[in-house]
Amino acid sequence: MSSPAPKKKQPNCFDCVHHYITHEPRHPYGCRRFGFKGPFLPSRTVFLETGMKCAYYTGQEKPIKGSRPSGSNGRLA
């Protein structure tokens, strides 16, 4: 028996620079690059409409745990 083919993982929109929350109850998620809002995550909508993974997914820089932002000297004010 052969193992099933690995599923293609869709990009996580919450890690994408183009994703935003609209605060509209019927269309809570949006994609600035594609220019639409919808009830589902944009990557899911793109996959359902085109059958392909999102072509414009661009990951954000995640901060390294324990490091300070550049230019920070630890003071708040």
C-alpha atoms as a PDB file:
ATOM      1  CA  MET A   1       0.000   0.000   0.000  1.00  0.00           C
ATOM      2  CA  SER A   2       1.189   3.458  -0.795  1.00  0.00           C
ATOM      3  CA  SER A   3       0.703   6.387   1.516  1.00  0.00           C
ATOM      4  CA  PRO A   4      -1.727   9.104   0.437  1.00  0.00           C
ATOM      5  CA  ALA A   5      -0.280  12.108  -1.358  1.00  0.00           C
ATOM      6  CA  PRO A   6       0.625  14.967   0.998  1.00  0.00           C
ATOM      7  CA  LYS A   7      -1.926  17.754   1.072  1.00  0.00           C
ATOM      8  CA  LYS A   8      -0.832  21.083  -0.312  1.00  0.00           C
ATOM      9  CA  LYS A   9      -0.909  23.495   2.573  1.00  0.00           C
ATOM     10  CA  GLN A  10      -2.582  26.818   1.927  1.00  0.00           C
ATOM     11  CA  PRO A  11      -0.739  29.944   3.050  1.00  0.00           C
ATOM     12  CA  ASN A  12      -1.747  31.375   6.409  1.00  0.00           C
ATOM     13  CA  CYS A  13      -3.316  34.741   5.625  1.00  0.00           C
ATOM     14  CA  PHE A  14      -2.638  35.981   9.148  1.00  0.00           C
ATOM     15  CA  ASP A  15       1.083  35.901   8.272  1.00  0.00           C
ATOM     16  CA  CYS A  16       0.604  37.830   4.995  1.00  0.00           C
ATOM     17  CA  VAL A  17       1.224  41.557   4.608  1.00  0.00           C
ATOM     18  CA  HIS A  18      -1.810  41.940   2.314  1.00  0.00           C
ATOM     19  CA  HIS A  19      -4.358  40.455   4.753  1.00  0.00           C
ATOM     20  CA  TYR A  20      -6.535  42.717   6.870  1.00  0.00           C
ATOM     21  CA  ILE A  21      -9.609  42.537   9.116  1.00  0.00           C
ATOM     22  CA  THR A  22     -12.535  44.580   7.804  1.00  0.00           C
ATOM     23  CA  HIS A  23     -14.708  44.656  10.966  1.00  0.00           C
ATOM     24  CA  GLU A  24     -17.745  44.022   8.755  1.00  0.00           C
ATOM     25  CA  PRO A  25     -19.761  41.111  10.208  1.00  0.00           C
ATOM     26  CA  ARG A  26     -20.662  39.622   6.807  1.00  0.00           C
ATOM     27  CA  HIS A  27     -17.202  40.105   5.249  1.00  0.00           C
ATOM     28  CA  PRO A  28     -14.628  40.002   8.063  1.00  0.00           C
ATOM     29  CA  TYR A  29     -11.506  39.186   6.003  1.00  0.00           C
ATOM     30  CA  GLY A  30      -9.902  41.104   3.172  1.00  0.00           C
ATOM     31  CA  CYS A  31      -6.936  41.035   0.818  1.00  0.00           C
ATOM     32  CA  ARG A  32      -5.415  44.338  -0.248  1.00  0.00           C
ATOM     33  CA  ARG A  33      -3.509  42.763  -3.154  1.00  0.00           C
ATOM     34  CA  PHE A  34      -6.531  41.083  -4.746  1.00  0.00           C
ATOM     35  CA  GLY A  35      -8.860  43.891  -3.620  1.00  0.00           C
ATOM     36  CA  PHE A  36     -11.722  41.910  -2.113  1.00  0.00           C
ATOM     37  CA  LYS A  37     -13.467  41.183   1.188  1.00  0.00           C
ATOM     38  CA  GLY A  38     -15.181  37.950   2.088  1.00  0.00           C
ATOM     39  CA  PRO A  39     -16.561  35.639   4.762  1.00  0.00           C
ATOM     40  CA  PHE A  40     -13.579  33.258   4.492  1.00  0.00           C
ATOM     41  CA  LEU A  41      -9.831  33.730   4.642  1.00  0.00           C
ATOM     42  CA  PRO A  42      -8.608  35.135   1.319  1.00  0.00           C
ATOM     43  CA  SER A  43      -6.343  32.129   0.649  1.00  0.00           C
ATOM     44  CA  ARG A  44      -9.353  29.840   0.848  1.00  0.00           C
ATOM     45  CA  THR A  45     -11.407  32.057  -1.463  1.00  0.00           C
ATOM     46  CA  VAL A  46      -8.555  32.190  -3.994  1.00  0.00           C
ATOM     47  CA  PHE A  47      -8.174  28.398  -3.868  1.00  0.00           C
ATOM     48  CA  LEU A  48     -11.918  27.805  -4.291  1.00  0.00           C
ATOM     49  CA  GLU A  49     -12.105  30.181  -7.268  1.00  0.00           C
ATOM     50  CA  THR A  50      -8.882  29.292  -9.098  1.00  0.00           C
ATOM     51  CA  GLY A  51      -7.849  25.878  -7.771  1.00  0.00           C
ATOM     52  CA  MET A  52      -4.352  27.235  -7.055  1.00  0.00           C
ATOM     53  CA  LYS A  53      -2.552  28.531  -3.993  1.00  0.00           C
ATOM     54  CA  CYS A  54      -2.422  32.287  -3.512  1.00  0.00           C
ATOM     55  CA  ALA A  55       0.139  33.797  -5.879  1.00  0.00           C
ATOM     56  CA  TYR A  56       0.558  37.018  -3.892  1.00  0.00           C
ATOM     57  CA  TYR A  57       1.245  35.591  -0.433  1.00  0.00           C
ATOM     58  CA  THR A  58       4.026  37.607   1.178  1.00  0.00           C
ATOM     59  CA  GLY A  59       5.063  36.622   4.690  1.00  0.00           C
ATOM     60  CA  GLN A  60       5.721  39.190   7.375  1.00  0.00           C
ATOM     61  CA  GLU A  61       8.923  39.497   9.350  1.00  0.00           C
ATOM     62  CA  LYS A  62       8.295  37.883  12.724  1.00  0.00           C
ATOM     63  CA  PRO A  63      10.153  39.339  15.703  1.00  0.00           C
ATOM     64  CA  ILE A  64      12.722  37.091  17.339  1.00  0.00           C
ATOM     65  CA  LYS A  65      11.718  36.154  20.875  1.00  0.00           C
ATOM     66  CA  GLY A  66      13.739  37.939  23.511  1.00  0.00           C
ATOM     67  CA  SER A  67      15.049  40.649  21.202  1.00  0.00           C
ATOM     68  CA  ARG A  68      14.209  44.305  21.352  1.00  0.00           C
ATOM     69  CA  PRO A  69      13.135  46.392  18.369  1.00  0.00           C
ATOM     70  CA  SER A  70      16.027  48.281  16.813  1.00  0.00           C
ATOM     71  CA  GLY A  71      16.631  51.652  18.401  1.00  0.00           C
ATOM     72  CA  SER A  72      15.082  50.612  21.703  1.00  0.00           C
ATOM     73  CA  ASN A  73      17.036  51.311  24.831  1.00  0.00           C
ATOM     74  CA  GLY A  74      14.467  49.795  27.203  1.00  0.00           C
ATOM     75  CA  ARG A  75      12.823  53.041  28.264  1.00  0.00           C
ATOM     76  CA  LEU A  76       9.140  53.623  27.617  1.00  0.00           C
ATOM     77  CA  ALA A  77       9.164  57.409  27.586  1.00  0.00           C
END
